[in-house]
Amino acid sequence: MEKDTGSILRQQPLGEHGLIITWCTEQHGIVRTAARLARKPGSELSGQVDLFHECELLYRPAAQGDLHTLASVNLLSPRLALRSQLSRLRLASYMARLLLATVEPGAQDAAWHKLISGALDYVAQSEPRRAILLHFEKRLAELHGLYTPDQLPHHTLLRHFQHLPAGRSELLQSLDAAM
């Protein structure tokens, strides 16, 4: 069994009652776990595993492949404030998708978790602004070793990774309109 702390960045249905949960963890980087009964009413995981929750997780590593079995979670922070405002939720979602698009599963560097966890905590406590996304992109480019001051971090990431999540322009427009 592996024990770690992580933020939930993506959830996908798995059968009638299960979920595939993608985490960014402190020790193991991007980790995918199967929670077979997470959506079943009365399940011990019900209410514990939701998008952007920070949890301690215990999982059984897969014998082959990258889909591990989630054994238990201990909810540390639900980050409920992210759900209080659509612009907060959109900003948090874009940052999570951007991290997942640029970080390989199994990249065991605590810096990835520190970046996304800190960003989600900050967005939960602050008014969503363009500057938050631009700073996140800069830190992401720096952690990848791609940042140069003479180029916009978003362009650098796009040039290196070829494809980034859709919706950035619309997100920036909505953040600017909210000011």
Foldseek 3Di string as FASTA:
>chain_A
DDKWKWFWQDWDDDPDAKIWTWTQTQFFGTATEIEPHLRPPPDPNPVQDDHGWIWIWDWAADPDDGYIYTDDIDTDGPLCLCVVDPLSVVLLNQLSQQLVLQDDGRPGHSVSRVLSNVLSVVSSVDPDAPVSSQVSLQVVCVVVVQDDPVDRSVVSSCVVSVDGDPDPVVSNVVRVVVD
